[in-house]
Amino acid sequence: MRILHTMLRVGDLDRSLHFYMDILGMRLLRRADYPAGKFTLAFVGFEDEENGAVIELTYNWGVDHYELGTGYGHIAIAVPDAAATCETIRQRGGNITREAGPMKGGSTVIAFVEDPDGYKIELIEKKG
């Protein structure tokens, strides 16, 4: 068994694809419109679905905003250098919400970035 994907509902699919692809560097793996259901699915990731977990972006036609609620936390991504990744994301127009530094009560270096719909993405520094 393994995790296949995490689904996020997004209010503007093009804006979200720009963030995940052009700012975070993921690839669009597949995309399909479902006219009968009035929604579009787009799958993005750093590697093919056969090799790793990906993110499913779901755009429900005509819905441009969602309440995130208090139950959602974040998606975590391993990066070789959290500070350098933050700088790259910032230069590409991304919103850094917590600069790189040790996590509270620990030594692991983390940072946070926010996607256009307000979902948090944690960057966890993993050297080597």
C-alpha atoms as a PDB file:
ATOM      1  CA  MET A   1       0.000   0.000   0.000  1.00  0.00           C
ATOM      2  CA  ARG A   2       1.027   3.599  -0.575  1.00  0.00           C
ATOM      3  CA  ILE A   3      -0.486   7.075  -0.685  1.00  0.00           C
ATOM      4  CA  LEU A   4      -1.526   7.947  -4.249  1.00  0.00           C
ATOM      5  CA  HIS A   5      -2.562  11.592  -4.017  1.00  0.00           C
ATOM      6  CA  THR A   6      -3.976  14.401  -1.911  1.00  0.00           C
ATOM      7  CA  MET A   7      -6.948  16.296  -3.356  1.00  0.00           C
ATOM      8  CA  LEU A   8      -7.324  20.055  -2.976  1.00  0.00           C
ATOM      9  CA  ARG A   9     -10.328  22.042  -4.207  1.00  0.00           C
ATOM     10  CA  VAL A  10      -9.191  25.196  -5.978  1.00  0.00           C
ATOM     11  CA  GLY A  11     -11.030  28.343  -7.027  1.00  0.00           C
ATOM     12  CA  ASP A  12      -8.995  29.117 -10.173  1.00  0.00           C
ATOM     13  CA  LEU A  13      -7.307  26.153 -11.829  1.00  0.00           C
ATOM     14  CA  ASP A  14      -4.977  28.197 -14.046  1.00  0.00           C
ATOM     15  CA  ARG A  15      -3.772  30.234 -11.048  1.00  0.00           C
ATOM     16  CA  SER A  16      -3.196  27.028  -9.054  1.00  0.00           C
ATOM     17  CA  LEU A  17      -1.371  25.313 -11.935  1.00  0.00           C
ATOM     18  CA  HIS A  18       0.873  28.373 -12.239  1.00  0.00           C
ATOM     19  CA  PHE A  19       1.731  28.111  -8.535  1.00  0.00           C
ATOM     20  CA  TYR A  20       2.395  24.372  -8.390  1.00  0.00           C
ATOM     21  CA  MET A  21       4.238  24.224 -11.726  1.00  0.00           C
ATOM     22  CA  ASP A  22       5.974  27.584 -12.210  1.00  0.00           C
ATOM     23  CA  ILE A  23       6.615  28.485  -8.570  1.00  0.00           C
ATOM     24  CA  LEU A  24       7.122  25.082  -6.888  1.00  0.00           C
ATOM     25  CA  GLY A  25       8.479  23.307  -9.972  1.00  0.00           C
ATOM     26  CA  MET A  26       6.022  20.404 -10.226  1.00  0.00           C
ATOM     27  CA  ARG A  27       4.925  18.924 -13.555  1.00  0.00           C
ATOM     28  CA  LEU A  28       1.386  18.596 -14.892  1.00  0.00           C
ATOM     29  CA  LEU A  29       0.947  14.828 -15.056  1.00  0.00           C
ATOM     30  CA  ARG A  30      -2.594  14.702 -16.419  1.00  0.00           C
ATOM     31  CA  ARG A  31      -5.680  16.859 -16.751  1.00  0.00           C
ATOM     32  CA  ALA A  32      -9.263  16.050 -17.698  1.00  0.00           C
ATOM     33  CA  ASP A  33     -12.565  17.905 -17.930  1.00  0.00           C
ATOM     34  CA  TYR A  34     -15.764  16.194 -16.787  1.00  0.00           C
ATOM     35  CA  PRO A  35     -18.610  18.205 -18.373  1.00  0.00           C
ATOM     36  CA  ALA A  36     -21.368  15.978 -16.983  1.00  0.00           C
ATOM     37  CA  GLY A  37     -20.080  16.594 -13.457  1.00  0.00           C
ATOM     38  CA  LYS A  38     -19.022  20.198 -14.171  1.00  0.00           C
ATOM     39  CA  PHE A  39     -15.485  19.799 -12.835  1.00  0.00           C
ATOM     40  CA  THR A  40     -11.869  19.526 -13.983  1.00  0.00           C
ATOM     41  CA  LEU A  41      -9.129  17.426 -12.410  1.00  0.00           C
ATOM     42  CA  ALA A  42      -5.424  18.205 -12.789  1.00  0.00           C
ATOM     43  CA  PHE A  43      -2.708  16.048 -11.227  1.00  0.00           C
ATOM     44  CA  VAL A  44       0.678  17.630 -10.457  1.00  0.00           C
ATOM     45  CA  GLY A  45       3.820  16.231  -8.900  1.00  0.00           C
ATOM     46  CA  PHE A  46       7.594  16.082  -8.871  1.00  0.00           C
ATOM     47  CA  GLU A  47       7.622  12.538 -10.218  1.00  0.00           C
ATOM     48  CA  ASP A  48       5.248  10.244 -12.093  1.00  0.00           C
ATOM     49  CA  GLU A  49       2.247   8.863 -10.235  1.00  0.00           C
ATOM     50  CA  GLU A  50       3.711   5.356 -10.424  1.00  0.00           C
ATOM     51  CA  ASN A  51       6.732   6.502  -8.394  1.00  0.00           C
ATOM     52  CA  GLY A  52       5.361   8.909  -5.802  1.00  0.00           C
ATOM     53  CA  ALA A  53       2.391  10.681  -4.280  1.00  0.00           C
ATOM     54  CA  VAL A  54       0.944  13.613  -6.235  1.00  0.00           C
ATOM     55  CA  ILE A  55      -1.568  16.423  -5.722  1.00  0.00           C
ATOM     56  CA  GLU A  56      -4.989  16.345  -7.377  1.00  0.00           C
ATOM     57  CA  LEU A  57      -6.302  19.852  -8.015  1.00  0.00           C
ATOM     58  CA  THR A  58     -10.086  19.789  -8.343  1.00  0.00           C
ATOM     59  CA  TYR A  59     -11.827  22.748  -9.945  1.00  0.00           C
ATOM     60  CA  ASN A  60     -15.614  22.675  -9.613  1.00  0.00           C
ATOM     61  CA  TRP A  61     -16.885  24.887 -12.423  1.00  0.00           C
ATOM     62  CA  GLY A  62     -18.325  28.137 -11.126  1.00  0.00           C
ATOM     63  CA  VAL A  63     -16.915  27.835  -7.585  1.00  0.00           C
ATOM     64  CA  ASP A  64     -14.173  30.394  -6.973  1.00  0.00           C
ATOM     65  CA  HIS A  65     -13.615  30.120  -3.204  1.00  0.00           C
ATOM     66  CA  TYR A  66     -13.591  27.526  -0.416  1.00  0.00           C
ATOM     67  CA  GLU A  67     -13.446  27.830   3.357  1.00  0.00           C
ATOM     68  CA  LEU A  68     -10.404  25.866   4.503  1.00  0.00           C
ATOM     69  CA  GLY A  69     -11.678  25.175   7.997  1.00  0.00           C
ATOM     70  CA  THR A  70      -9.526  24.356  10.992  1.00  0.00           C
ATOM     71  CA  GLY A  71      -8.861  20.669  10.309  1.00  0.00           C
ATOM     72  CA  TYR A  72      -6.491  21.028   7.368  1.00  0.00           C
ATOM     73  CA  GLY A  73      -2.801  21.373   8.211  1.00  0.00           C
ATOM     74  CA  HIS A  74      -0.364  21.293   5.317  1.00  0.00           C
ATOM     75  CA  ILE A  75       1.394  19.298   2.624  1.00  0.00           C
ATOM     76  CA  ALA A  76       5.114  18.681   3.252  1.00  0.00           C
ATOM     77  CA  ILE A  77       7.849  18.714   0.605  1.00  0.00           C
ATOM     78  CA  ALA A  78      11.478  17.683   1.183  1.00  0.00           C
ATOM     79  CA  VAL A  79      14.005  20.237  -0.085  1.00  0.00           C
ATOM     80  CA  PRO A  80      17.819  20.221   0.063  1.00  0.00           C
ATOM     81  CA  ASP A  81      18.068  23.838   1.344  1.00  0.00           C
ATOM     82  CA  ALA A  82      14.984  25.499   2.829  1.00  0.00           C
ATOM     83  CA  ALA A  83      16.372  29.058   2.728  1.00  0.00           C
ATOM     84  CA  ALA A  84      17.454  28.762  -0.912  1.00  0.00           C
ATOM     85  CA  THR A  85      14.099  27.213  -1.850  1.00  0.00           C
ATOM     86  CA  CYS A  86      12.282  30.100  -0.128  1.00  0.00           C
ATOM     87  CA  GLU A  87      14.341  32.578  -2.131  1.00  0.00           C
ATOM     88  CA  THR A  88      13.549  30.798  -5.399  1.00  0.00           C
ATOM     89  CA  ILE A  89       9.839  30.679  -4.538  1.00  0.00           C
ATOM     90  CA  ARG A  90       9.888  34.377  -3.582  1.00  0.00           C
ATOM     91  CA  GLN A  91      11.606  35.305  -6.879  1.00  0.00           C
ATOM     92  CA  ARG A  92       8.936  33.359  -8.780  1.00  0.00           C
ATOM     93  CA  GLY A  93       6.170  35.292  -7.008  1.00  0.00           C
ATOM     94  CA  GLY A  94       5.296  32.838  -4.222  1.00  0.00           C
ATOM     95  CA  ASN A  95       4.115  33.839  -0.750  1.00  0.00           C
ATOM     96  CA  ILE A  96       6.471  32.716   2.045  1.00  0.00           C
ATOM     97  CA  THR A  97       4.545  32.681   5.334  1.00  0.00           C
ATOM     98  CA  ARG A  98       7.382  31.395   7.546  1.00  0.00           C
ATOM     99  CA  GLU A  99      11.028  31.864   6.703  1.00  0.00           C
ATOM    100  CA  ALA A 100      13.442  28.941   6.923  1.00  0.00           C
ATOM    101  CA  GLY A 101      14.609  28.142  10.442  1.00  0.00           C
ATOM    102  CA  PRO A 102      14.516  25.465  13.122  1.00  0.00           C
ATOM    103  CA  MET A 103      11.083  24.181  14.047  1.00  0.00           C
ATOM    104  CA  LYS A 104       9.839  25.184  17.477  1.00  0.00           C
ATOM    105  CA  GLY A 105      11.336  22.862  20.072  1.00  0.00           C
ATOM    106  CA  GLY A 106      13.523  21.045  17.537  1.00  0.00           C
ATOM    107  CA  SER A 107      16.419  21.330  15.143  1.00  0.00           C
ATOM    108  CA  THR A 108      14.788  20.393  11.813  1.00  0.00           C
ATOM    109  CA  VAL A 109      14.881  23.384   9.451  1.00  0.00           C
ATOM    110  CA  ILE A 110      11.452  24.155   7.992  1.00  0.00           C
ATOM    111  CA  ALA A 111       9.658  26.946   6.149  1.00  0.00           C
ATOM    112  CA  PHE A 112       6.102  27.512   4.928  1.00  0.00           C
ATOM    113  CA  VAL A 113       4.674  28.824   1.681  1.00  0.00           C
ATOM    114  CA  GLU A 114       1.011  29.432   0.883  1.00  0.00           C
ATOM    115  CA  ASP A 115      -0.683  28.539  -2.403  1.00  0.00           C
ATOM    116  CA  PRO A 116      -3.199  30.904  -4.086  1.00  0.00           C
ATOM    117  CA  ASP A 117      -6.144  29.291  -2.257  1.00  0.00           C
ATOM    118  CA  GLY A 118      -4.503  29.578   1.175  1.00  0.00           C
ATOM    119  CA  TYR A 119      -3.287  25.971   1.493  1.00  0.00           C
ATOM    120  CA  LYS A 120      -0.024  25.717   3.430  1.00  0.00           C
ATOM    121  CA  ILE A 121       2.986  23.890   2.007  1.00  0.00           C
ATOM    122  CA  GLU A 122       5.758  22.999   4.471  1.00  0.00           C
ATOM    123  CA  LEU A 123       9.319  22.850   3.174  1.00  0.00           C
ATOM    124  CA  ILE A 124      11.417  20.430   5.228  1.00  0.00           C
ATOM    125  CA  GLU A 125      15.171  20.596   4.774  1.00  0.00           C
ATOM    126  CA  LYS A 126      16.610  17.140   4.034  1.00  0.00           C
ATOM    127  CA  LYS A 127      20.315  17.309   3.224  1.00  0.00           C
ATOM    128  CA  GLY A 128      21.890  14.511   1.203  1.00  0.00           C
END
